[in-house]
Amino acid sequence: MRRILMLLIGFSLLFLMASCHASILKPANSVTEREQPVFEEWEISKTFVPENIQVVGLGDSLTQGVGDELKVGGYFTRLTTAIEDWKGVKGVEANNLAKRGRRSDQLIKQLEDPEIQNVVQNADVIFLTIGGNDLMKIVKRDLLDLKESSFYKELNNYEQRLDEIFGMVRGLNSDAVIVVGGLYNPLSIVTDDVDEFENIINDWNEAIEVRAVVDGKSCFVPLTDLFNSNENMVYHTDFFHPNAKGYEQMANRYIESIDKCGLLELSDGKLDM
């Protein structure tokens, strides 16, 4: 009896050892594989690390800030102050090269200057107003006999000069965001043909806007409605330039337009409002 009991115990031990051995040698494909985590692609925004940017003003008295009785610097300085709060901006270095009385042909001449070219080459944002003095040249010349045909004849020349200006700037700097302001009608004091001249202004503005759209990295800023009366213009020296209130409204309009144009896209992701 004892011998039978010992045999049973032995067989039981052998069975347990065989079971453990089979478990250890279990095929690998029966082991549940661990799922690998899947990470979504993530890209750091270019605005994440702020940088110092160069802002340049080109063109005529509107960008120079003539008429601003507060001596703040017109829309240009007001805007450069606002730019300091843009995403991607650590600091702003502003260089206003605009000058009172400058016409489009004179701006082309200025852009041929090596020192000016160097400034434009390093610009991140360029603010431009040009064309008002081209119009005023005709008004002063034909003041007593203003004809619609004279403005459209000059418009053809102006369009060619605009093409040259955009071409010169892009030849120097293909990345800068160009923000170009439109024209407005300050001539209600010298002509009764307000509606007729409004049509002329609209056609000149269309020429500017078309160039901005074709450029692809530019933004057109409409200004006509801001100065459809003399309320926001300088009275004590002329009726052509904005006063401080007018420049404040211009700066706000620039910000609105830049936002609509899509600053992030225009700047290739480097700047945002």
C-alpha atoms as a PDB file:
ATOM      1  CA  MET A   1       0.000   0.000   0.000  1.00  0.00           C
ATOM      2  CA  ARG A   2       2.770   2.330   0.865  1.00  0.00           C
ATOM      3  CA  ARG A   3       4.509   1.471  -2.407  1.00  0.00           C
ATOM      4  CA  ILE A   4       1.368   2.364  -4.389  1.00  0.00           C
ATOM      5  CA  LEU A   5       1.074   5.664  -2.514  1.00  0.00           C
ATOM      6  CA  MET A   6       4.675   6.558  -3.314  1.00  0.00           C
ATOM      7  CA  LEU A   7       4.113   5.794  -7.022  1.00  0.00           C
ATOM      8  CA  LEU A   8       1.057   8.079  -7.106  1.00  0.00           C
ATOM      9  CA  ILE A   9       2.983  10.904  -5.501  1.00  0.00           C
ATOM     10  CA  GLY A  10       5.807  10.429  -8.040  1.00  0.00           C
ATOM     11  CA  PHE A  11       3.466  10.478 -11.021  1.00  0.00           C
ATOM     12  CA  SER A  12       1.828  13.648  -9.643  1.00  0.00           C
ATOM     13  CA  LEU A  13       5.191  15.408  -9.361  1.00  0.00           C
ATOM     14  CA  LEU A  14       6.161  14.375 -12.899  1.00  0.00           C
ATOM     15  CA  PHE A  15       2.826  15.709 -14.221  1.00  0.00           C
ATOM     16  CA  LEU A  16       3.323  19.071 -12.495  1.00  0.00           C
ATOM     17  CA  MET A  17       6.879  19.407 -13.814  1.00  0.00           C
ATOM     18  CA  ALA A  18       5.720  18.619 -17.361  1.00  0.00           C
ATOM     19  CA  SER A  19       2.961  21.239 -17.142  1.00  0.00           C
ATOM     20  CA  CYS A  20       5.396  23.942 -15.973  1.00  0.00           C
ATOM     21  CA  HIS A  21       7.865  23.040 -18.698  1.00  0.00           C
ATOM     22  CA  ALA A  22       5.147  23.259 -21.355  1.00  0.00           C
ATOM     23  CA  SER A  23       4.110  26.658 -20.024  1.00  0.00           C
ATOM     24  CA  ILE A  24       7.672  27.959 -20.201  1.00  0.00           C
ATOM     25  CA  LEU A  25       8.057  26.732 -23.783  1.00  0.00           C
ATOM     26  CA  LYS A  26       4.765  28.261 -24.911  1.00  0.00           C
ATOM     27  CA  PRO A  27       5.084  29.565 -28.515  1.00  0.00           C
ATOM     28  CA  ALA A  28       5.986  33.280 -28.764  1.00  0.00           C
ATOM     29  CA  ASN A  29       3.120  34.026 -31.113  1.00  0.00           C
ATOM     30  CA  SER A  30       0.660  33.236 -28.395  1.00  0.00           C
ATOM     31  CA  VAL A  31       1.986  36.142 -26.271  1.00  0.00           C
ATOM     32  CA  THR A  32      -0.111  39.309 -26.526  1.00  0.00           C
ATOM     33  CA  GLU A  33       2.030  42.015 -28.185  1.00  0.00           C
ATOM     34  CA  ARG A  34       2.219  45.403 -26.503  1.00  0.00           C
ATOM     35  CA  GLU A  35       0.607  48.184 -28.515  1.00  0.00           C
ATOM     36  CA  GLN A  36       2.988  51.002 -29.413  1.00  0.00           C
ATOM     37  CA  PRO A  37       1.786  54.546 -28.597  1.00  0.00           C
ATOM     38  CA  VAL A  38       0.916  56.681 -31.619  1.00  0.00           C
ATOM     39  CA  PHE A  39       2.012  60.317 -31.431  1.00  0.00           C
ATOM     40  CA  GLU A  40       0.381  62.962 -33.612  1.00  0.00           C
ATOM     41  CA  GLU A  41       2.733  65.129 -35.673  1.00  0.00           C
ATOM     42  CA  TRP A  42       3.343  68.426 -33.861  1.00  0.00           C
ATOM     43  CA  GLU A  43       5.158  71.468 -35.188  1.00  0.00           C
ATOM     44  CA  ILE A  44       6.382  74.404 -33.135  1.00  0.00           C
ATOM     45  CA  SER A  45       4.937  77.695 -34.384  1.00  0.00           C
ATOM     46  CA  LYS A  46       7.444  80.145 -35.870  1.00  0.00           C
ATOM     47  CA  THR A  47       5.982  82.813 -33.593  1.00  0.00           C
ATOM     48  CA  PHE A  48       6.873  80.765 -30.494  1.00  0.00           C
ATOM     49  CA  VAL A  49      10.317  82.354 -30.222  1.00  0.00           C
ATOM     50  CA  PRO A  50       9.939  86.154 -30.629  1.00  0.00           C
ATOM     51  CA  GLU A  51      12.459  88.003 -32.791  1.00  0.00           C
ATOM     52  CA  ASN A  52      13.404  91.603 -33.441  1.00  0.00           C
ATOM     53  CA  ILE A  53      11.835  92.846 -36.670  1.00  0.00           C
ATOM     54  CA  GLN A  54      12.598  95.698 -39.056  1.00  0.00           C
ATOM     55  CA  VAL A  55       9.729  97.990 -40.117  1.00  0.00           C
ATOM     56  CA  VAL A  56      10.278 100.414 -43.003  1.00  0.00           C
ATOM     57  CA  GLY A  57       8.148 103.304 -44.250  1.00  0.00           C
ATOM     58  CA  LEU A  58       8.255 104.278 -47.924  1.00  0.00           C
ATOM     59  CA  GLY A  59       6.488 106.889 -49.990  1.00  0.00           C
ATOM     60  CA  ASP A  60       5.013 110.298 -49.324  1.00  0.00           C
ATOM     61  CA  SER A  61       3.815 112.638 -46.578  1.00  0.00           C
ATOM     62  CA  LEU A  62       1.070 110.305 -45.369  1.00  0.00           C
ATOM     63  CA  THR A  63       3.638 107.771 -44.220  1.00  0.00           C
ATOM     64  CA  GLN A  64       5.938 110.557 -43.004  1.00  0.00           C
ATOM     65  CA  GLY A  65       3.096 111.809 -40.797  1.00  0.00           C
ATOM     66  CA  VAL A  66       2.758 115.391 -42.031  1.00  0.00           C
ATOM     67  CA  GLY A  67      -0.155 117.178 -40.353  1.00  0.00           C
ATOM     68  CA  ASP A  68      -0.055 115.275 -37.060  1.00  0.00           C
ATOM     69  CA  GLU A  69      -0.319 118.156 -34.596  1.00  0.00           C
ATOM     70  CA  LEU A  70       0.496 115.811 -31.724  1.00  0.00           C
ATOM     71  CA  LYS A  71       3.885 115.102 -33.360  1.00  0.00           C
ATOM     72  CA  VAL A  72       3.409 111.388 -32.765  1.00  0.00           C
ATOM     73  CA  GLY A  73       4.548 110.424 -36.261  1.00  0.00           C
ATOM     74  CA  GLY A  74       1.278 109.839 -38.072  1.00  0.00           C
ATOM     75  CA  TYR A  75      -0.092 106.368 -38.660  1.00  0.00           C
ATOM     76  CA  PHE A  76       3.407 104.906 -39.075  1.00  0.00           C
ATOM     77  CA  THR A  77       4.608 105.441 -35.505  1.00  0.00           C
ATOM     78  CA  ARG A  78       1.222 104.497 -34.088  1.00  0.00           C
ATOM     79  CA  LEU A  79       1.416 101.233 -35.995  1.00  0.00           C
ATOM     80  CA  THR A  80       4.986 100.398 -35.045  1.00  0.00           C
ATOM     81  CA  THR A  81       3.944 100.796 -31.413  1.00  0.00           C
ATOM     82  CA  ALA A  82       1.055  98.370 -31.960  1.00  0.00           C
ATOM     83  CA  ILE A  83       3.356  95.899 -33.718  1.00  0.00           C
ATOM     84  CA  GLU A  84       5.309  95.413 -30.503  1.00  0.00           C
ATOM     85  CA  ASP A  85       2.321  93.397 -29.235  1.00  0.00           C
ATOM     86  CA  TRP A  86       2.202  91.078 -32.251  1.00  0.00           C
ATOM     87  CA  LYS A  87       3.020  87.408 -31.760  1.00  0.00           C
ATOM     88  CA  GLY A  88       6.547  86.617 -32.851  1.00  0.00           C
ATOM     89  CA  VAL A  89       7.831  90.134 -32.115  1.00  0.00           C
ATOM     90  CA  LYS A  90      10.492  90.704 -29.495  1.00  0.00           C
ATOM     91  CA  GLY A  91      11.239  94.287 -30.486  1.00  0.00           C
ATOM     92  CA  VAL A  92      10.729  96.716 -33.367  1.00  0.00           C
ATOM     93  CA  GLU A  93      13.303  98.797 -35.195  1.00  0.00           C
ATOM     94  CA  ALA A  94      11.509 101.400 -37.328  1.00  0.00           C
ATOM     95  CA  ASN A  95      13.015 103.339 -40.229  1.00  0.00           C
ATOM     96  CA  ASN A  96      10.710 105.850 -41.899  1.00  0.00           C
ATOM     97  CA  LEU A  97      12.097 106.828 -45.318  1.00  0.00           C
ATOM     98  CA  ALA A  98       8.947 108.580 -46.555  1.00  0.00           C
ATOM     99  CA  LYS A  99       9.078 112.249 -47.537  1.00  0.00           C
ATOM    100  CA  ARG A 100       6.554 114.991 -48.131  1.00  0.00           C
ATOM    101  CA  GLY A 101       5.782 115.672 -51.794  1.00  0.00           C
ATOM    102  CA  ARG A 102       7.253 112.435 -53.124  1.00  0.00           C
ATOM    103  CA  ARG A 103       5.699 111.087 -56.313  1.00  0.00           C
ATOM    104  CA  SER A 104       5.916 107.563 -57.688  1.00  0.00           C
ATOM    105  CA  ASP A 105       8.712 108.488 -60.133  1.00  0.00           C
ATOM    106  CA  GLN A 106      10.701 109.970 -57.247  1.00  0.00           C
ATOM    107  CA  LEU A 107      10.205 106.822 -55.168  1.00  0.00           C
ATOM    108  CA  ILE A 108      11.684 104.792 -58.012  1.00  0.00           C
ATOM    109  CA  LYS A 109      14.687 107.107 -57.981  1.00  0.00           C
ATOM    110  CA  GLN A 110      15.020 106.686 -54.214  1.00  0.00           C
ATOM    111  CA  LEU A 111      14.967 102.895 -54.526  1.00  0.00           C
ATOM    112  CA  GLU A 112      18.031 103.103 -56.767  1.00  0.00           C
ATOM    113  CA  ASP A 113      20.073 104.415 -53.817  1.00  0.00           C
ATOM    114  CA  PRO A 114      22.337 101.627 -52.400  1.00  0.00           C
ATOM    115  CA  GLU A 115      21.760 102.798 -48.813  1.00  0.00           C
ATOM    116  CA  ILE A 116      17.990 102.674 -49.282  1.00  0.00           C
ATOM    117  CA  GLN A 117      18.274  99.280 -50.932  1.00  0.00           C
ATOM    118  CA  ASN A 118      20.137  97.952 -47.909  1.00  0.00           C
ATOM    119  CA  VAL A 119      17.339  99.085 -45.582  1.00  0.00           C
ATOM    120  CA  VAL A 120      14.670  97.527 -47.811  1.00  0.00           C
ATOM    121  CA  GLN A 121      16.606  94.260 -48.022  1.00  0.00           C
ATOM    122  CA  ASN A 122      16.467  93.851 -44.237  1.00  0.00           C
ATOM    123  CA  ALA A 123      12.805  94.833 -43.801  1.00  0.00           C
ATOM    124  CA  ASP A 124      10.232  92.440 -42.378  1.00  0.00           C
ATOM    125  CA  VAL A 125       7.269  94.792 -42.875  1.00  0.00           C
ATOM    126  CA  ILE A 126       7.049  97.703 -45.329  1.00  0.00           C
ATOM    127  CA  PHE A 127       4.386 100.414 -45.102  1.00  0.00           C
ATOM    128  CA  LEU A 128       3.827 102.359 -48.313  1.00  0.00           C
ATOM    129  CA  THR A 129       1.697 105.271 -49.502  1.00  0.00           C
ATOM    130  CA  ILE A 130       2.273 106.683 -52.980  1.00  0.00           C
ATOM    131  CA  GLY A 131       0.162 108.327 -55.648  1.00  0.00           C
ATOM    132  CA  GLY A 132      -1.421 111.314 -53.919  1.00  0.00           C
ATOM    133  CA  ASN A 133       1.213 113.683 -55.255  1.00  0.00           C
ATOM    134  CA  ASP A 134       0.902 112.194 -58.739  1.00  0.00           C
ATOM    135  CA  LEU A 135      -2.738 113.280 -58.645  1.00  0.00           C
ATOM    136  CA  MET A 136      -1.956 116.682 -57.146  1.00  0.00           C
ATOM    137  CA  LYS A 137       0.583 117.361 -59.897  1.00  0.00           C
ATOM    138  CA  ILE A 138      -2.270 117.252 -62.412  1.00  0.00           C
ATOM    139  CA  VAL A 139      -4.517 119.389 -60.199  1.00  0.00           C
ATOM    140  CA  LYS A 140      -1.872 122.085 -59.780  1.00  0.00           C
ATOM    141  CA  ARG A 141      -1.039 122.057 -63.478  1.00  0.00           C
ATOM    142  CA  ASP A 142      -4.638 122.141 -64.739  1.00  0.00           C
ATOM    143  CA  LEU A 143      -6.351 123.814 -61.789  1.00  0.00           C
ATOM    144  CA  LEU A 144      -8.434 126.156 -63.960  1.00  0.00           C
ATOM    145  CA  ASP A 145      -9.255 123.511 -66.528  1.00  0.00           C
ATOM    146  CA  LEU A 146      -9.430 120.093 -64.871  1.00  0.00           C
ATOM    147  CA  LYS A 147     -10.307 117.307 -67.307  1.00  0.00           C
ATOM    148  CA  GLU A 148     -11.082 113.697 -66.535  1.00  0.00           C
ATOM    149  CA  SER A 149      -8.986 112.542 -69.476  1.00  0.00           C
ATOM    150  CA  SER A 150      -5.836 114.036 -67.929  1.00  0.00           C
ATOM    151  CA  PHE A 151      -6.176 111.846 -64.826  1.00  0.00           C
ATOM    152  CA  TYR A 152      -6.669 108.676 -66.858  1.00  0.00           C
ATOM    153  CA  LYS A 153      -3.745 109.468 -69.101  1.00  0.00           C
ATOM    154  CA  GLU A 154      -1.588 109.823 -66.000  1.00  0.00           C
ATOM    155  CA  LEU A 155      -3.132 106.666 -64.506  1.00  0.00           C
ATOM    156  CA  ASN A 156      -1.553 104.614 -67.309  1.00  0.00           C
ATOM    157  CA  ASN A 157       1.843 106.031 -66.407  1.00  0.00           C
ATOM    158  CA  TYR A 158       1.179 105.531 -62.704  1.00  0.00           C
ATOM    159  CA  GLU A 159       0.330 101.863 -63.224  1.00  0.00           C
ATOM    160  CA  GLN A 160       3.634 101.302 -65.006  1.00  0.00           C
ATOM    161  CA  ARG A 161       5.506 102.995 -62.174  1.00  0.00           C
ATOM    162  CA  LEU A 162       3.647 100.903 -59.587  1.00  0.00           C
ATOM    163  CA  ASP A 163       4.767  97.761 -61.419  1.00  0.00           C
ATOM    164  CA  GLU A 164       8.316  99.053 -61.335  1.00  0.00           C
ATOM    165  CA  ILE A 165       8.128  99.919 -57.619  1.00  0.00           C
ATOM    166  CA  PHE A 166       6.814  96.482 -56.650  1.00  0.00           C
ATOM    167  CA  GLY A 167       9.367  94.869 -58.927  1.00  0.00           C
ATOM    168  CA  MET A 168      12.258  96.804 -57.375  1.00  0.00           C
ATOM    169  CA  VAL A 169      11.149  96.066 -53.815  1.00  0.00           C
ATOM    170  CA  ARG A 170      10.681  92.357 -54.544  1.00  0.00           C
ATOM    171  CA  GLY A 171      14.017  92.250 -56.309  1.00  0.00           C
ATOM    172  CA  LEU A 172      15.573  93.405 -53.053  1.00  0.00           C
ATOM    173  CA  ASN A 173      13.316  91.542 -50.628  1.00  0.00           C
ATOM    174  CA  SER A 174      10.991  88.693 -51.564  1.00  0.00           C
ATOM    175  CA  ASP A 175       9.833  87.955 -48.003  1.00  0.00           C
ATOM    176  CA  ALA A 176       8.735  91.266 -46.493  1.00  0.00           C
ATOM    177  CA  VAL A 177       5.040  91.962 -45.961  1.00  0.00           C
ATOM    178  CA  ILE A 178       4.073  95.081 -47.927  1.00  0.00           C
ATOM    179  CA  VAL A 179       1.129  97.085 -46.592  1.00  0.00           C
ATOM    180  CA  VAL A 180       0.043  99.752 -49.064  1.00  0.00           C
ATOM    181  CA  GLY A 181      -2.494 102.457 -48.313  1.00  0.00           C
ATOM    182  CA  GLY A 182      -5.047 103.653 -50.824  1.00  0.00           C
ATOM    183  CA  LEU A 183      -5.837 107.184 -51.970  1.00  0.00           C
ATOM    184  CA  TYR A 184      -8.664 109.436 -50.853  1.00  0.00           C
ATOM    185  CA  ASN A 185     -10.353 112.542 -52.256  1.00  0.00           C
ATOM    186  CA  PRO A 186      -9.176 115.790 -50.664  1.00  0.00           C
ATOM    187  CA  LEU A 187     -10.253 117.939 -53.599  1.00  0.00           C
ATOM    188  CA  SER A 188     -13.782 118.954 -52.646  1.00  0.00           C
ATOM    189  CA  ILE A 189     -12.438 122.433 -51.950  1.00  0.00           C
ATOM    190  CA  VAL A 190     -11.145 122.938 -55.526  1.00  0.00           C
ATOM    191  CA  THR A 191     -13.799 121.204 -57.656  1.00  0.00           C
ATOM    192  CA  ASP A 192     -17.565 120.800 -57.620  1.00  0.00           C
ATOM    193  CA  ASP A 193     -17.360 117.576 -59.631  1.00  0.00           C
ATOM    194  CA  VAL A 194     -17.168 115.438 -56.513  1.00  0.00           C
ATOM    195  CA  ASP A 195     -18.792 112.341 -57.994  1.00  0.00           C
ATOM    196  CA  GLU A 196     -16.650 112.490 -61.098  1.00  0.00           C
ATOM    197  CA  PHE A 197     -13.480 112.760 -59.051  1.00  0.00           C
ATOM    198  CA  GLU A 198     -14.607 109.945 -56.768  1.00  0.00           C
ATOM    199  CA  ASN A 199     -14.682 107.698 -59.829  1.00  0.00           C
ATOM    200  CA  ILE A 200     -11.137 108.752 -60.663  1.00  0.00           C
ATOM    201  CA  ILE A 201      -9.965 108.004 -57.122  1.00  0.00           C
ATOM    202  CA  ASN A 202     -11.655 104.601 -57.207  1.00  0.00           C
ATOM    203  CA  ASP A 203      -9.908 103.689 -60.457  1.00  0.00           C
ATOM    204  CA  TRP A 204      -6.523 104.751 -59.114  1.00  0.00           C
ATOM    205  CA  ASN A 205      -7.180 102.741 -55.949  1.00  0.00           C
ATOM    206  CA  GLU A 206      -8.092  99.719 -58.036  1.00  0.00           C
ATOM    207  CA  ALA A 207      -4.702  99.972 -59.731  1.00  0.00           C
ATOM    208  CA  ILE A 208      -2.994  99.857 -56.331  1.00  0.00           C
ATOM    209  CA  GLU A 209      -5.139  97.021 -55.008  1.00  0.00           C
ATOM    210  CA  VAL A 210      -4.565  94.884 -58.106  1.00  0.00           C
ATOM    211  CA  ARG A 211      -0.793  95.140 -57.623  1.00  0.00           C
ATOM    212  CA  ALA A 212      -1.141  94.155 -53.973  1.00  0.00           C
ATOM    213  CA  VAL A 213      -3.233  91.101 -54.855  1.00  0.00           C
ATOM    214  CA  VAL A 214      -0.931  89.998 -57.675  1.00  0.00           C
ATOM    215  CA  ASP A 215       2.102  90.356 -55.417  1.00  0.00           C
ATOM    216  CA  GLY A 216       0.708  87.719 -53.064  1.00  0.00           C
ATOM    217  CA  LYS A 217       2.453  89.005 -49.921  1.00  0.00           C
ATOM    218  CA  SER A 218       0.921  92.472 -49.829  1.00  0.00           C
ATOM    219  CA  CYS A 219      -2.137  93.982 -48.184  1.00  0.00           C
ATOM    220  CA  PHE A 220      -4.189  96.882 -49.572  1.00  0.00           C
ATOM    221  CA  VAL A 221      -5.702  99.319 -47.064  1.00  0.00           C
ATOM    222  CA  PRO A 222      -8.755 101.336 -48.274  1.00  0.00           C
ATOM    223  CA  LEU A 223      -8.859 104.872 -46.897  1.00  0.00           C
ATOM    224  CA  THR A 224     -11.404 106.716 -49.048  1.00  0.00           C
ATOM    225  CA  ASP A 225     -14.251 106.609 -46.543  1.00  0.00           C
ATOM    226  CA  LEU A 226     -12.098 107.990 -43.729  1.00  0.00           C
ATOM    227  CA  PHE A 227     -11.652 111.336 -45.460  1.00  0.00           C
ATOM    228  CA  ASN A 228     -14.893 111.957 -47.329  1.00  0.00           C
ATOM    229  CA  SER A 229     -15.132 115.278 -45.495  1.00  0.00           C
ATOM    230  CA  ASN A 230     -12.641 117.755 -44.053  1.00  0.00           C
ATOM    231  CA  GLU A 231     -13.361 116.729 -40.470  1.00  0.00           C
ATOM    232  CA  ASN A 232     -10.235 114.608 -40.080  1.00  0.00           C
ATOM    233  CA  MET A 233      -7.884 116.853 -42.039  1.00  0.00           C
ATOM    234  CA  VAL A 234      -5.564 119.694 -41.099  1.00  0.00           C
ATOM    235  CA  TYR A 235      -7.208 123.096 -41.409  1.00  0.00           C
ATOM    236  CA  HIS A 236      -4.508 125.514 -40.440  1.00  0.00           C
ATOM    237  CA  THR A 237      -2.028 124.526 -43.176  1.00  0.00           C
ATOM    238  CA  ASP A 238      -3.919 122.592 -45.837  1.00  0.00           C
ATOM    239  CA  PHE A 239      -6.888 120.360 -46.524  1.00  0.00           C
ATOM    240  CA  PHE A 240      -4.833 117.475 -47.846  1.00  0.00           C
ATOM    241  CA  HIS A 241      -3.140 115.845 -44.854  1.00  0.00           C
ATOM    242  CA  PRO A 242      -4.840 114.100 -41.934  1.00  0.00           C
ATOM    243  CA  ASN A 243      -4.724 115.582 -38.469  1.00  0.00           C
ATOM    244  CA  ALA A 244      -3.936 113.522 -35.367  1.00  0.00           C
ATOM    245  CA  LYS A 245      -7.469 112.149 -35.255  1.00  0.00           C
ATOM    246  CA  GLY A 246      -7.252 111.223 -38.916  1.00  0.00           C
ATOM    247  CA  TYR A 247      -3.950 109.402 -38.434  1.00  0.00           C
ATOM    248  CA  GLU A 248      -5.394 107.547 -35.464  1.00  0.00           C
ATOM    249  CA  GLN A 249      -8.222 106.331 -37.666  1.00  0.00           C
ATOM    250  CA  MET A 250      -5.724 105.415 -40.374  1.00  0.00           C
ATOM    251  CA  ALA A 251      -3.723 103.311 -37.926  1.00  0.00           C
ATOM    252  CA  ASN A 252      -6.866 101.502 -36.810  1.00  0.00           C
ATOM    253  CA  ARG A 253      -7.863 100.865 -40.425  1.00  0.00           C
ATOM    254  CA  TYR A 254      -4.396  99.474 -41.170  1.00  0.00           C
ATOM    255  CA  ILE A 255      -4.701  97.040 -38.268  1.00  0.00           C
ATOM    256  CA  GLU A 256      -8.177  95.947 -39.390  1.00  0.00           C
ATOM    257  CA  SER A 257      -7.006  95.423 -42.972  1.00  0.00           C
ATOM    258  CA  ILE A 258      -3.868  93.524 -41.989  1.00  0.00           C
ATOM    259  CA  ASP A 259      -5.998  91.229 -39.865  1.00  0.00           C
ATOM    260  CA  LYS A 260      -8.370  90.608 -42.802  1.00  0.00           C
ATOM    261  CA  CYS A 261      -5.486  90.011 -45.195  1.00  0.00           C
ATOM    262  CA  GLY A 262      -4.109  87.335 -42.863  1.00  0.00           C
ATOM    263  CA  LEU A 263      -0.809  88.411 -41.350  1.00  0.00           C
ATOM    264  CA  LEU A 264       0.223  84.876 -40.382  1.00  0.00           C
ATOM    265  CA  GLU A 265      -0.036  83.684 -43.970  1.00  0.00           C
ATOM    266  CA  LEU A 266       1.525  86.811 -45.474  1.00  0.00           C
ATOM    267  CA  SER A 267       4.535  86.513 -43.166  1.00  0.00           C
ATOM    268  CA  ASP A 268       4.968  82.769 -43.781  1.00  0.00           C
ATOM    269  CA  GLY A 269       4.007  82.038 -40.175  1.00  0.00           C
ATOM    270  CA  LYS A 270       6.521  84.427 -38.600  1.00  0.00           C
ATOM    271  CA  LEU A 271       4.077  87.075 -37.374  1.00  0.00           C
ATOM    272  CA  ASP A 272       0.525  87.085 -36.044  1.00  0.00           C
ATOM    273  CA  MET A 273      -1.797  89.561 -34.387  1.00  0.00           C
END
